[in-house]
Amino acid sequence: MREALVFHSELDAAAPWVEALNAELPDLDLRVSPDVGDPEAVRYALVWKPPHGFFAPFTNLKLVVNLGAGVDALVARDDLPPVPITRISDPDMSRMMASFVLMAVLRHARDIPLFEKAQREGRWHYVQPRPADEISVGVLGLGELGGTAAAEIARQGFRVSGWSRTPKEIPGVACVSGMEALPAFLRASEILVVMLPLTPATRHILNAETLALLPRGAKLINVARGAIIDEPALVAALRSGALGGATLDVFETEPLPAQSPLWGMENVLITPHLASTAIPKSAAAQIAANIRRIQAGESVANPVDPQRGY
């Protein structure tokens, strides 16, 4: 009986993943949920938000691969099998994220929302551009994606600082760490980029109190997870002018409900959780390498610690 991998995602098309994995692992039997066949043959699972109880039939499972970098939805489950869990760590994902973040930073730094508003109103409106080295950008979260984005922003000449739970060093980025450093970091961030993983410690870490530490009129970019920010507090800050604008790719409830006040705010850009996605062609090699490690009895790369939440 050939070893099998089962694929499940309500969001991602299966065909590109099957094609990419077939090229890397031609001897592996690739199955797309719900057509899983004999569950005893399934040794590996490549998943994004599978339904509760999904793993139960796969009694010979050896590895779970999360279809993306963020694993909060997976590790929060109470039905995870006791096998290694890995996340996708792909340079192409990092580049995609960095380009989106840079776009959002430049859009706010160059006052593009003001010009969009002026165009809608038929007004010729001039705002003197500020040099990048006069604009302070804070990156909240310096993991693989956050660190790459922070370095790219710094490469464009912005004054970049970064905050993380543990100490980090990134050339061109003033890195600070620990909760005691968070208030000063926020006070210095004219543009705040949120790139933290969602864990019990980071849920609503940005709330009415911490958002109020940002300079008045600051801009906020969230490409991490919606629940890192208390959404009613965010709406209130945007309405009051405490926040001057926001670029939001993630939300506490997705899709964003039609009744959300964020939809109607002129100072908010909403995108549908697409800042960075897993790319089959480039990610398949990493998935295949971890499967070969499992087959050889070795430890996997990019493991997830369910206790830490990432």
C-alpha atoms as a PDB file:
ATOM      1  CA  MET A   1       0.000   0.000   0.000  1.00  0.00           C
ATOM      2  CA  ARG A   2       1.438   3.354  -1.055  1.00  0.00           C
ATOM      3  CA  GLU A   3       1.709   6.092   1.539  1.00  0.00           C
ATOM      4  CA  ALA A   4      -0.899   8.784   1.002  1.00  0.00           C
ATOM      5  CA  LEU A   5      -1.193  12.507   1.656  1.00  0.00           C
ATOM      6  CA  VAL A   6      -4.615  14.059   2.117  1.00  0.00           C
ATOM      7  CA  PHE A   7      -5.269  17.671   1.082  1.00  0.00           C
ATOM      8  CA  HIS A   8      -8.039  19.781   2.580  1.00  0.00           C
ATOM      9  CA  SER A   9      -8.839  23.454   2.094  1.00  0.00           C
ATOM     10  CA  GLU A  10     -12.093  25.270   1.459  1.00  0.00           C
ATOM     11  CA  LEU A  11     -10.084  28.244   0.192  1.00  0.00           C
ATOM     12  CA  ASP A  12      -7.228  26.878  -1.904  1.00  0.00           C
ATOM     13  CA  ALA A  13      -7.599  25.081  -5.218  1.00  0.00           C
ATOM     14  CA  ALA A  14      -6.329  21.516  -4.909  1.00  0.00           C
ATOM     15  CA  ALA A  15      -5.078  21.015  -8.480  1.00  0.00           C
ATOM     16  CA  PRO A  16      -1.954  23.263  -8.263  1.00  0.00           C
ATOM     17  CA  TRP A  17      -0.924  21.575  -5.004  1.00  0.00           C
ATOM     18  CA  VAL A  18      -1.429  18.089  -6.428  1.00  0.00           C
ATOM     19  CA  GLU A  19       0.609  18.980  -9.514  1.00  0.00           C
ATOM     20  CA  ALA A  20       3.441  20.558  -7.503  1.00  0.00           C
ATOM     21  CA  LEU A  21       3.616  17.724  -4.976  1.00  0.00           C
ATOM     22  CA  ASN A  22       3.459  15.070  -7.695  1.00  0.00           C
ATOM     23  CA  ALA A  23       6.570  16.594  -9.224  1.00  0.00           C
ATOM     24  CA  GLU A  24       8.405  16.384  -5.884  1.00  0.00           C
ATOM     25  CA  LEU A  25       7.015  13.075  -4.583  1.00  0.00           C
ATOM     26  CA  PRO A  26       5.888  10.931  -7.542  1.00  0.00           C
ATOM     27  CA  ASP A  27       5.578   7.810  -5.363  1.00  0.00           C
ATOM     28  CA  LEU A  28       3.149   9.444  -2.925  1.00  0.00           C
ATOM     29  CA  ASP A  29      -0.586   8.851  -3.312  1.00  0.00           C
ATOM     30  CA  LEU A  30      -2.217  12.304  -3.279  1.00  0.00           C
ATOM     31  CA  ARG A  31      -5.848  12.475  -2.208  1.00  0.00           C
ATOM     32  CA  VAL A  32      -8.163  15.467  -2.031  1.00  0.00           C
ATOM     33  CA  SER A  33     -10.736  15.598   0.770  1.00  0.00           C
ATOM     34  CA  PRO A  34     -13.454  14.378   0.985  1.00  0.00           C
ATOM     35  CA  ASP A  35     -12.321  11.594  -1.389  1.00  0.00           C
ATOM     36  CA  VAL A  36      -9.742  10.150   1.009  1.00  0.00           C
ATOM     37  CA  GLY A  37     -10.123   6.452   0.192  1.00  0.00           C
ATOM     38  CA  ASP A  38      -8.685   4.055   2.754  1.00  0.00           C
ATOM     39  CA  PRO A  39      -7.783   6.301   5.718  1.00  0.00           C
ATOM     40  CA  GLU A  40      -5.206   3.797   6.997  1.00  0.00           C
ATOM     41  CA  ALA A  41      -2.922   4.675   4.059  1.00  0.00           C
ATOM     42  CA  VAL A  42      -2.887   8.367   4.944  1.00  0.00           C
ATOM     43  CA  ARG A  43       0.424   9.314   6.571  1.00  0.00           C
ATOM     44  CA  TYR A  44       0.486  13.051   5.863  1.00  0.00           C
ATOM     45  CA  ALA A  45      -2.085  15.854   5.874  1.00  0.00           C
ATOM     46  CA  LEU A  46      -1.790  19.235   4.134  1.00  0.00           C
ATOM     47  CA  VAL A  47      -4.631  21.322   5.514  1.00  0.00           C
ATOM     48  CA  TRP A  48      -6.197  24.720   5.992  1.00  0.00           C
ATOM     49  CA  LYS A  49      -8.954  24.907   8.616  1.00  0.00           C
ATOM     50  CA  PRO A  50     -10.270  21.338   8.307  1.00  0.00           C
ATOM     51  CA  PRO A  51     -13.579  20.575  10.063  1.00  0.00           C
ATOM     52  CA  HIS A  52     -13.631  19.298  13.617  1.00  0.00           C
ATOM     53  CA  GLY A  53     -12.917  15.576  13.744  1.00  0.00           C
ATOM     54  CA  PHE A  54     -11.122  15.642  10.383  1.00  0.00           C
ATOM     55  CA  PHE A  55      -8.021  13.864  11.692  1.00  0.00           C
ATOM     56  CA  ALA A  56      -9.800  11.086  13.599  1.00  0.00           C
ATOM     57  CA  PRO A  57      -9.970   8.491  10.758  1.00  0.00           C
ATOM     58  CA  PHE A  58      -6.247   8.791  10.008  1.00  0.00           C
ATOM     59  CA  THR A  59      -4.870   6.479  12.655  1.00  0.00           C
ATOM     60  CA  ASN A  60      -1.475   6.151  10.908  1.00  0.00           C
ATOM     61  CA  LEU A  61      -0.906   9.883  10.482  1.00  0.00           C
ATOM     62  CA  LYS A  62       2.724  10.971  10.896  1.00  0.00           C
ATOM     63  CA  LEU A  63       2.726  14.674   9.930  1.00  0.00           C
ATOM     64  CA  VAL A  64       0.350  17.638   9.651  1.00  0.00           C
ATOM     65  CA  VAL A  65       1.364  20.533   7.409  1.00  0.00           C
ATOM     66  CA  ASN A  66      -0.496  23.811   7.875  1.00  0.00           C
ATOM     67  CA  LEU A  67      -1.276  25.472   4.546  1.00  0.00           C
ATOM     68  CA  GLY A  68       0.241  28.827   5.436  1.00  0.00           C
ATOM     69  CA  ALA A  69       2.444  30.600   7.961  1.00  0.00           C
ATOM     70  CA  GLY A  70      -0.275  31.413  10.510  1.00  0.00           C
ATOM     71  CA  VAL A  71      -1.219  28.409  12.637  1.00  0.00           C
ATOM     72  CA  ASP A  72      -3.558  29.941  15.232  1.00  0.00           C
ATOM     73  CA  ALA A  73      -6.678  28.259  13.833  1.00  0.00           C
ATOM     74  CA  LEU A  74      -4.944  24.882  13.840  1.00  0.00           C
ATOM     75  CA  VAL A  75      -3.310  24.875  17.276  1.00  0.00           C
ATOM     76  CA  ALA A  76      -6.461  26.186  18.973  1.00  0.00           C
ATOM     77  CA  ARG A  77      -8.285  22.923  18.156  1.00  0.00           C
ATOM     78  CA  ASP A  78      -8.964  20.203  20.713  1.00  0.00           C
ATOM     79  CA  ASP A  79      -8.696  17.384  18.157  1.00  0.00           C
ATOM     80  CA  LEU A  80      -5.087  17.719  17.007  1.00  0.00           C
ATOM     81  CA  PRO A  81      -3.335  14.375  16.562  1.00  0.00           C
ATOM     82  CA  PRO A  82      -0.114  13.779  18.563  1.00  0.00           C
ATOM     83  CA  VAL A  83       2.175  14.092  15.536  1.00  0.00           C
ATOM     84  CA  PRO A  84       4.615  16.768  14.349  1.00  0.00           C
ATOM     85  CA  ILE A  85       2.969  19.895  12.949  1.00  0.00           C
ATOM     86  CA  THR A  86       4.780  22.181  10.542  1.00  0.00           C
ATOM     87  CA  ARG A  87       4.001  25.463   8.881  1.00  0.00           C
ATOM     88  CA  ILE A  88       4.995  26.580   5.417  1.00  0.00           C
ATOM     89  CA  SER A  89       8.091  28.772   5.470  1.00  0.00           C
ATOM     90  CA  ASP A  90       8.596  29.906   1.901  1.00  0.00           C
ATOM     91  CA  PRO A  91      10.809  32.780   0.678  1.00  0.00           C
ATOM     92  CA  ASP A  92       8.214  33.533  -1.995  1.00  0.00           C
ATOM     93  CA  MET A  93       5.575  34.012   0.724  1.00  0.00           C
ATOM     94  CA  SER A  94       7.918  36.395   2.552  1.00  0.00           C
ATOM     95  CA  ARG A  95       8.512  38.391  -0.622  1.00  0.00           C
ATOM     96  CA  MET A  96       4.793  38.551  -1.344  1.00  0.00           C
ATOM     97  CA  MET A  97       4.100  39.790   2.174  1.00  0.00           C
ATOM     98  CA  ALA A  98       6.937  42.313   2.095  1.00  0.00           C
ATOM     99  CA  SER A  99       5.701  43.772  -1.203  1.00  0.00           C
ATOM    100  CA  PHE A 100       2.155  44.156   0.142  1.00  0.00           C
ATOM    101  CA  VAL A 101       3.375  45.788   3.355  1.00  0.00           C
ATOM    102  CA  LEU A 102       5.656  48.126   1.424  1.00  0.00           C
ATOM    103  CA  MET A 103       2.747  49.093  -0.837  1.00  0.00           C
ATOM    104  CA  ALA A 104       0.617  49.897   2.211  1.00  0.00           C
ATOM    105  CA  VAL A 105       3.400  51.861   3.932  1.00  0.00           C
ATOM    106  CA  LEU A 106       4.110  53.899   0.788  1.00  0.00           C
ATOM    107  CA  ARG A 107       0.402  54.539   0.271  1.00  0.00           C
ATOM    108  CA  HIS A 108       0.133  56.109   3.714  1.00  0.00           C
ATOM    109  CA  ALA A 109       3.552  57.793   3.647  1.00  0.00           C
ATOM    110  CA  ARG A 110       2.779  59.488   0.319  1.00  0.00           C
ATOM    111  CA  ASP A 111      -0.770  60.523   1.376  1.00  0.00           C
ATOM    112  CA  ILE A 112      -2.395  58.563  -1.452  1.00  0.00           C
ATOM    113  CA  PRO A 113      -5.770  58.282   0.382  1.00  0.00           C
ATOM    114  CA  LEU A 114      -5.976  62.106   0.420  1.00  0.00           C
ATOM    115  CA  PHE A 115      -5.471  62.235  -3.343  1.00  0.00           C
ATOM    116  CA  GLU A 116      -8.025  59.477  -3.905  1.00  0.00           C
ATOM    117  CA  LYS A 117     -10.546  61.486  -1.909  1.00  0.00           C
ATOM    118  CA  ALA A 118      -9.686  64.670  -3.810  1.00  0.00           C
ATOM    119  CA  GLN A 119     -10.149  62.864  -7.119  1.00  0.00           C
ATOM    120  CA  ARG A 120     -13.605  61.636  -6.086  1.00  0.00           C
ATOM    121  CA  GLU A 121     -14.496  65.242  -5.229  1.00  0.00           C
ATOM    122  CA  GLY A 122     -12.941  66.717  -8.374  1.00  0.00           C
ATOM    123  CA  ARG A 123     -10.385  68.767  -6.414  1.00  0.00           C
ATOM    124  CA  TRP A 124      -6.756  69.492  -7.301  1.00  0.00           C
ATOM    125  CA  HIS A 125      -5.130  68.910  -3.926  1.00  0.00           C
ATOM    126  CA  TYR A 126      -1.398  69.225  -3.262  1.00  0.00           C
ATOM    127  CA  VAL A 127       0.398  67.882  -0.192  1.00  0.00           C
ATOM    128  CA  GLN A 128       4.151  68.377   0.143  1.00  0.00           C
ATOM    129  CA  PRO A 129       5.792  64.920   0.235  1.00  0.00           C
ATOM    130  CA  ARG A 130       7.886  64.088   3.293  1.00  0.00           C
ATOM    131  CA  PRO A 131      11.276  62.386   2.909  1.00  0.00           C
ATOM    132  CA  ALA A 132      11.204  58.752   3.942  1.00  0.00           C
ATOM    133  CA  ASP A 133      13.890  59.275   6.573  1.00  0.00           C
ATOM    134  CA  GLU A 134      11.552  61.641   8.438  1.00  0.00           C
ATOM    135  CA  ILE A 135       8.793  59.033   8.735  1.00  0.00           C
ATOM    136  CA  SER A 136       8.894  56.471  11.540  1.00  0.00           C
ATOM    137  CA  VAL A 137       7.484  53.010  10.802  1.00  0.00           C
ATOM    138  CA  GLY A 138       7.038  50.452  13.555  1.00  0.00           C
ATOM    139  CA  VAL A 139       6.750  46.740  12.771  1.00  0.00           C
ATOM    140  CA  LEU A 140       4.974  44.858  15.548  1.00  0.00           C
ATOM    141  CA  GLY A 141       6.240  41.296  15.253  1.00  0.00           C
ATOM    142  CA  LEU A 142       9.608  40.302  13.807  1.00  0.00           C
ATOM    143  CA  GLY A 143       9.132  36.674  12.860  1.00  0.00           C
ATOM    144  CA  GLU A 144      10.043  35.367   9.435  1.00  0.00           C
ATOM    145  CA  LEU A 145       7.467  37.479   7.573  1.00  0.00           C
ATOM    146  CA  GLY A 146       7.738  40.507   9.856  1.00  0.00           C
ATOM    147  CA  GLY A 147      11.518  40.561   9.761  1.00  0.00           C
ATOM    148  CA  THR A 148      11.578  40.420   5.970  1.00  0.00           C
ATOM    149  CA  ALA A 149       9.004  43.215   5.715  1.00  0.00           C
ATOM    150  CA  ALA A 150      10.855  45.403   8.242  1.00  0.00           C
ATOM    151  CA  ALA A 151      14.112  45.017   6.308  1.00  0.00           C
ATOM    152  CA  GLU A 152      12.380  45.938   3.032  1.00  0.00           C
ATOM    153  CA  ILE A 153      10.808  49.055   4.550  1.00  0.00           C
ATOM    154  CA  ALA A 154      14.197  50.077   5.952  1.00  0.00           C
ATOM    155  CA  ARG A 155      15.769  49.541   2.517  1.00  0.00           C
ATOM    156  CA  GLN A 156      13.460  52.257   1.193  1.00  0.00           C
ATOM    157  CA  GLY A 157      14.957  54.752   3.649  1.00  0.00           C
ATOM    158  CA  PHE A 158      12.257  54.892   6.334  1.00  0.00           C
ATOM    159  CA  ARG A 159      13.124  55.092  10.029  1.00  0.00           C
ATOM    160  CA  VAL A 160      12.120  51.585  11.065  1.00  0.00           C
ATOM    161  CA  SER A 161      11.770  50.145  14.529  1.00  0.00           C
ATOM    162  CA  GLY A 162      10.602  46.655  15.374  1.00  0.00           C
ATOM    163  CA  TRP A 163       9.101  45.017  18.439  1.00  0.00           C
ATOM    164  CA  SER A 164       9.164  41.326  19.293  1.00  0.00           C
ATOM    165  CA  ARG A 165       8.607  39.116  22.295  1.00  0.00           C
ATOM    166  CA  THR A 166      12.254  38.048  22.348  1.00  0.00           C
ATOM    167  CA  PRO A 167      15.352  39.991  21.195  1.00  0.00           C
ATOM    168  CA  LYS A 168      16.015  40.174  17.444  1.00  0.00           C
ATOM    169  CA  GLU A 169      18.689  41.819  15.309  1.00  0.00           C
ATOM    170  CA  ILE A 170      17.854  43.094  11.814  1.00  0.00           C
ATOM    171  CA  PRO A 171      20.218  45.429   9.917  1.00  0.00           C
ATOM    172  CA  GLY A 172      18.690  48.889   9.538  1.00  0.00           C
ATOM    173  CA  VAL A 173      15.932  48.192  12.083  1.00  0.00           C
ATOM    174  CA  ALA A 174      15.967  49.446  15.670  1.00  0.00           C
ATOM    175  CA  CYS A 175      14.771  46.298  17.449  1.00  0.00           C
ATOM    176  CA  VAL A 176      13.274  46.257  20.925  1.00  0.00           C
ATOM    177  CA  SER A 177      11.672  43.421  22.836  1.00  0.00           C
ATOM    178  CA  GLY A 178       9.492  42.615  25.831  1.00  0.00           C
ATOM    179  CA  MET A 179       6.275  44.125  27.112  1.00  0.00           C
ATOM    180  CA  GLU A 180       8.115  46.865  28.978  1.00  0.00           C
ATOM    181  CA  ALA A 181       9.376  48.228  25.629  1.00  0.00           C
ATOM    182  CA  LEU A 182       5.962  48.213  23.927  1.00  0.00           C
ATOM    183  CA  PRO A 183       4.614  51.632  25.079  1.00  0.00           C
ATOM    184  CA  ALA A 184       7.655  53.601  23.872  1.00  0.00           C
ATOM    185  CA  PHE A 185       7.667  51.626  20.620  1.00  0.00           C
ATOM    186  CA  LEU A 186       4.024  52.513  19.948  1.00  0.00           C
ATOM    187  CA  ARG A 187       4.512  56.186  20.843  1.00  0.00           C
ATOM    188  CA  ALA A 188       7.229  56.436  18.183  1.00  0.00           C
ATOM    189  CA  SER A 189       5.296  54.719  15.358  1.00  0.00           C
ATOM    190  CA  GLU A 190       3.677  57.096  12.853  1.00  0.00           C
ATOM    191  CA  ILE A 191       2.840  54.064  10.722  1.00  0.00           C
ATOM    192  CA  LEU A 192       2.303  50.816  12.626  1.00  0.00           C
ATOM    193  CA  VAL A 193       2.513  47.483  10.796  1.00  0.00           C
ATOM    194  CA  VAL A 194       0.982  44.562  12.716  1.00  0.00           C
ATOM    195  CA  MET A 195       2.708  41.237  11.977  1.00  0.00           C
ATOM    196  CA  LEU A 196       2.346  39.261  15.208  1.00  0.00           C
ATOM    197  CA  PRO A 197       1.138  35.668  15.440  1.00  0.00           C
ATOM    198  CA  LEU A 198      -2.206  35.278  17.183  1.00  0.00           C
ATOM    199  CA  THR A 199      -1.736  33.672  20.591  1.00  0.00           C
ATOM    200  CA  PRO A 200      -3.508  34.115  23.938  1.00  0.00           C
ATOM    201  CA  ALA A 201      -0.828  36.702  24.793  1.00  0.00           C
ATOM    202  CA  THR A 202      -1.350  38.752  21.618  1.00  0.00           C
ATOM    203  CA  ARG A 203      -5.154  38.614  21.362  1.00  0.00           C
ATOM    204  CA  HIS A 204      -6.368  42.250  21.602  1.00  0.00           C
ATOM    205  CA  ILE A 205      -2.856  43.408  22.454  1.00  0.00           C
ATOM    206  CA  LEU A 206      -3.938  46.498  20.520  1.00  0.00           C
ATOM    207  CA  ASN A 207      -6.943  47.832  22.422  1.00  0.00           C
ATOM    208  CA  ALA A 208      -8.274  51.250  23.411  1.00  0.00           C
ATOM    209  CA  GLU A 209      -5.397  51.763  25.837  1.00  0.00           C
ATOM    210  CA  THR A 210      -2.542  50.699  23.577  1.00  0.00           C
ATOM    211  CA  LEU A 211      -3.966  52.295  20.429  1.00  0.00           C
ATOM    212  CA  ALA A 212      -4.087  55.583  22.356  1.00  0.00           C
ATOM    213  CA  LEU A 213      -0.295  55.430  22.726  1.00  0.00           C
ATOM    214  CA  LEU A 214       0.205  55.911  18.978  1.00  0.00           C
ATOM    215  CA  PRO A 215       0.831  59.478  17.764  1.00  0.00           C
ATOM    216  CA  ARG A 216      -2.434  61.214  16.943  1.00  0.00           C
ATOM    217  CA  GLY A 217      -3.259  60.648  13.284  1.00  0.00           C
ATOM    218  CA  ALA A 218      -1.033  57.564  13.039  1.00  0.00           C
ATOM    219  CA  LYS A 219      -1.739  55.021  10.315  1.00  0.00           C
ATOM    220  CA  LEU A 220      -2.215  51.308  11.019  1.00  0.00           C
ATOM    221  CA  ILE A 221      -1.607  48.323   8.738  1.00  0.00           C
ATOM    222  CA  ASN A 222      -2.762  44.867   9.849  1.00  0.00           C
ATOM    223  CA  VAL A 223      -1.627  41.873   7.812  1.00  0.00           C
ATOM    224  CA  ALA A 224      -1.439  39.423  10.721  1.00  0.00           C
ATOM    225  CA  ARG A 225      -4.705  38.354  12.374  1.00  0.00           C
ATOM    226  CA  GLY A 226      -7.810  40.432  13.040  1.00  0.00           C
ATOM    227  CA  ALA A 227      -8.127  39.411  16.687  1.00  0.00           C
ATOM    228  CA  ILE A 228      -4.806  41.033  17.562  1.00  0.00           C
ATOM    229  CA  ILE A 229      -6.767  44.305  17.495  1.00  0.00           C
ATOM    230  CA  ASP A 230      -9.910  45.030  19.499  1.00  0.00           C
ATOM    231  CA  GLU A 231     -12.095  45.907  16.498  1.00  0.00           C
ATOM    232  CA  PRO A 232     -14.578  48.228  18.296  1.00  0.00           C
ATOM    233  CA  ALA A 233     -11.616  50.144  19.742  1.00  0.00           C
ATOM    234  CA  LEU A 234     -10.111  50.365  16.254  1.00  0.00           C
ATOM    235  CA  VAL A 235     -13.364  51.725  14.820  1.00  0.00           C
ATOM    236  CA  ALA A 236     -13.593  54.297  17.625  1.00  0.00           C
ATOM    237  CA  ALA A 237     -10.008  55.439  17.064  1.00  0.00           C
ATOM    238  CA  LEU A 238     -10.604  55.830  13.322  1.00  0.00           C
ATOM    239  CA  ARG A 239     -13.812  57.774  13.893  1.00  0.00           C
ATOM    240  CA  SER A 240     -12.220  60.135  16.409  1.00  0.00           C
ATOM    241  CA  GLY A 241      -9.151  60.888  14.308  1.00  0.00           C
ATOM    242  CA  ALA A 242      -6.828  59.325  16.878  1.00  0.00           C
ATOM    243  CA  LEU A 243      -5.966  57.042  13.982  1.00  0.00           C
ATOM    244  CA  GLY A 244      -5.703  58.803  10.654  1.00  0.00           C
ATOM    245  CA  GLY A 245      -6.232  55.730   8.527  1.00  0.00           C
ATOM    246  CA  ALA A 246      -5.806  51.998   8.218  1.00  0.00           C
ATOM    247  CA  THR A 247      -5.035  49.271   5.717  1.00  0.00           C
ATOM    248  CA  LEU A 248      -6.730  46.091   6.908  1.00  0.00           C
ATOM    249  CA  ASP A 249      -6.185  42.695   5.308  1.00  0.00           C
ATOM    250  CA  VAL A 250      -7.466  40.642   8.264  1.00  0.00           C
ATOM    251  CA  PHE A 251     -10.470  40.835  10.582  1.00  0.00           C
ATOM    252  CA  GLU A 252     -11.891  39.197  13.692  1.00  0.00           C
ATOM    253  CA  THR A 253     -14.675  37.708  11.554  1.00  0.00           C
ATOM    254  CA  GLU A 254     -13.921  36.740   7.953  1.00  0.00           C
ATOM    255  CA  PRO A 255     -15.435  37.482   5.546  1.00  0.00           C
ATOM    256  CA  LEU A 256     -15.951  40.896   7.113  1.00  0.00           C
ATOM    257  CA  PRO A 257     -19.682  41.177   7.884  1.00  0.00           C
ATOM    258  CA  ALA A 258     -21.673  43.524   5.652  1.00  0.00           C
ATOM    259  CA  GLN A 259     -22.809  45.515   8.696  1.00  0.00           C
ATOM    260  CA  SER A 260     -19.251  46.320   9.825  1.00  0.00           C
ATOM    261  CA  PRO A 261     -18.708  50.098  10.037  1.00  0.00           C
ATOM    262  CA  LEU A 262     -15.232  49.580   8.558  1.00  0.00           C
ATOM    263  CA  TRP A 263     -16.766  49.141   5.083  1.00  0.00           C
ATOM    264  CA  GLY A 264     -18.019  52.716   4.970  1.00  0.00           C
ATOM    265  CA  MET A 265     -14.910  54.484   6.272  1.00  0.00           C
ATOM    266  CA  GLU A 266     -13.115  56.596   3.693  1.00  0.00           C
ATOM    267  CA  ASN A 267      -9.866  56.368   5.660  1.00  0.00           C
ATOM    268  CA  VAL A 268      -9.821  52.539   5.557  1.00  0.00           C
ATOM    269  CA  LEU A 269      -8.622  50.244   2.781  1.00  0.00           C
ATOM    270  CA  ILE A 270     -10.022  46.707   3.063  1.00  0.00           C
ATOM    271  CA  THR A 271      -8.464  43.719   1.310  1.00  0.00           C
ATOM    272  CA  PRO A 272      -9.703  40.098   1.655  1.00  0.00           C
ATOM    273  CA  HIS A 273      -6.841  38.379   3.533  1.00  0.00           C
ATOM    274  CA  LEU A 274      -4.497  38.135   0.563  1.00  0.00           C
ATOM    275  CA  ALA A 275      -1.336  39.958   1.650  1.00  0.00           C
ATOM    276  CA  SER A 276       0.563  36.674   1.436  1.00  0.00           C
ATOM    277  CA  THR A 277      -0.556  33.225   0.365  1.00  0.00           C
ATOM    278  CA  ALA A 278       1.157  29.865   0.096  1.00  0.00           C
ATOM    279  CA  ILE A 279       2.500  29.262  -3.405  1.00  0.00           C
ATOM    280  CA  PRO A 280       2.351  25.586  -4.478  1.00  0.00           C
ATOM    281  CA  LYS A 281       5.295  25.664  -6.879  1.00  0.00           C
ATOM    282  CA  SER A 282       7.733  27.034  -4.308  1.00  0.00           C
ATOM    283  CA  ALA A 283       6.265  25.511  -1.126  1.00  0.00           C
ATOM    284  CA  ALA A 284       6.045  21.932  -2.440  1.00  0.00           C
ATOM    285  CA  ALA A 285       9.801  21.391  -2.142  1.00  0.00           C
ATOM    286  CA  GLN A 286       9.721  22.272   1.554  1.00  0.00           C
ATOM    287  CA  ILE A 287       6.731  20.009   2.213  1.00  0.00           C
ATOM    288  CA  ALA A 288       8.441  17.162   0.348  1.00  0.00           C
ATOM    289  CA  ALA A 289      11.662  17.664   2.335  1.00  0.00           C
ATOM    290  CA  ASN A 290       9.765  17.331   5.616  1.00  0.00           C
ATOM    291  CA  ILE A 291       8.011  14.184   4.403  1.00  0.00           C
ATOM    292  CA  ARG A 292      11.397  12.699   3.535  1.00  0.00           C
ATOM    293  CA  ARG A 293      12.630  13.619   7.019  1.00  0.00           C
ATOM    294  CA  ILE A 294       9.677  11.776   8.541  1.00  0.00           C
ATOM    295  CA  GLN A 295      10.378   8.762   6.323  1.00  0.00           C
ATOM    296  CA  ALA A 296      14.020   8.810   7.473  1.00  0.00           C
ATOM    297  CA  GLY A 297      13.068   9.129  11.145  1.00  0.00           C
ATOM    298  CA  GLU A 298      14.451  12.668  11.401  1.00  0.00           C
ATOM    299  CA  SER A 299      13.067  15.826  12.998  1.00  0.00           C
ATOM    300  CA  VAL A 300      11.046  18.146  10.759  1.00  0.00           C
ATOM    301  CA  ALA A 301      11.965  21.697   9.797  1.00  0.00           C
ATOM    302  CA  ASN A 302       9.713  24.636  10.754  1.00  0.00           C
ATOM    303  CA  PRO A 303       7.932  22.784  13.560  1.00  0.00           C
ATOM    304  CA  VAL A 304       4.977  24.353  15.381  1.00  0.00           C
ATOM    305  CA  ASP A 305       4.782  24.340  19.167  1.00  0.00           C
ATOM    306  CA  PRO A 306       1.051  24.089  20.006  1.00  0.00           C
ATOM    307  CA  GLN A 307       1.751  25.346  23.535  1.00  0.00           C
ATOM    308  CA  ARG A 308       3.296  28.587  22.274  1.00  0.00           C
ATOM    309  CA  GLY A 309       0.788  28.877  19.466  1.00  0.00           C
ATOM    310  CA  TYR A 310       3.338  29.290  16.645  1.00  0.00           C
END
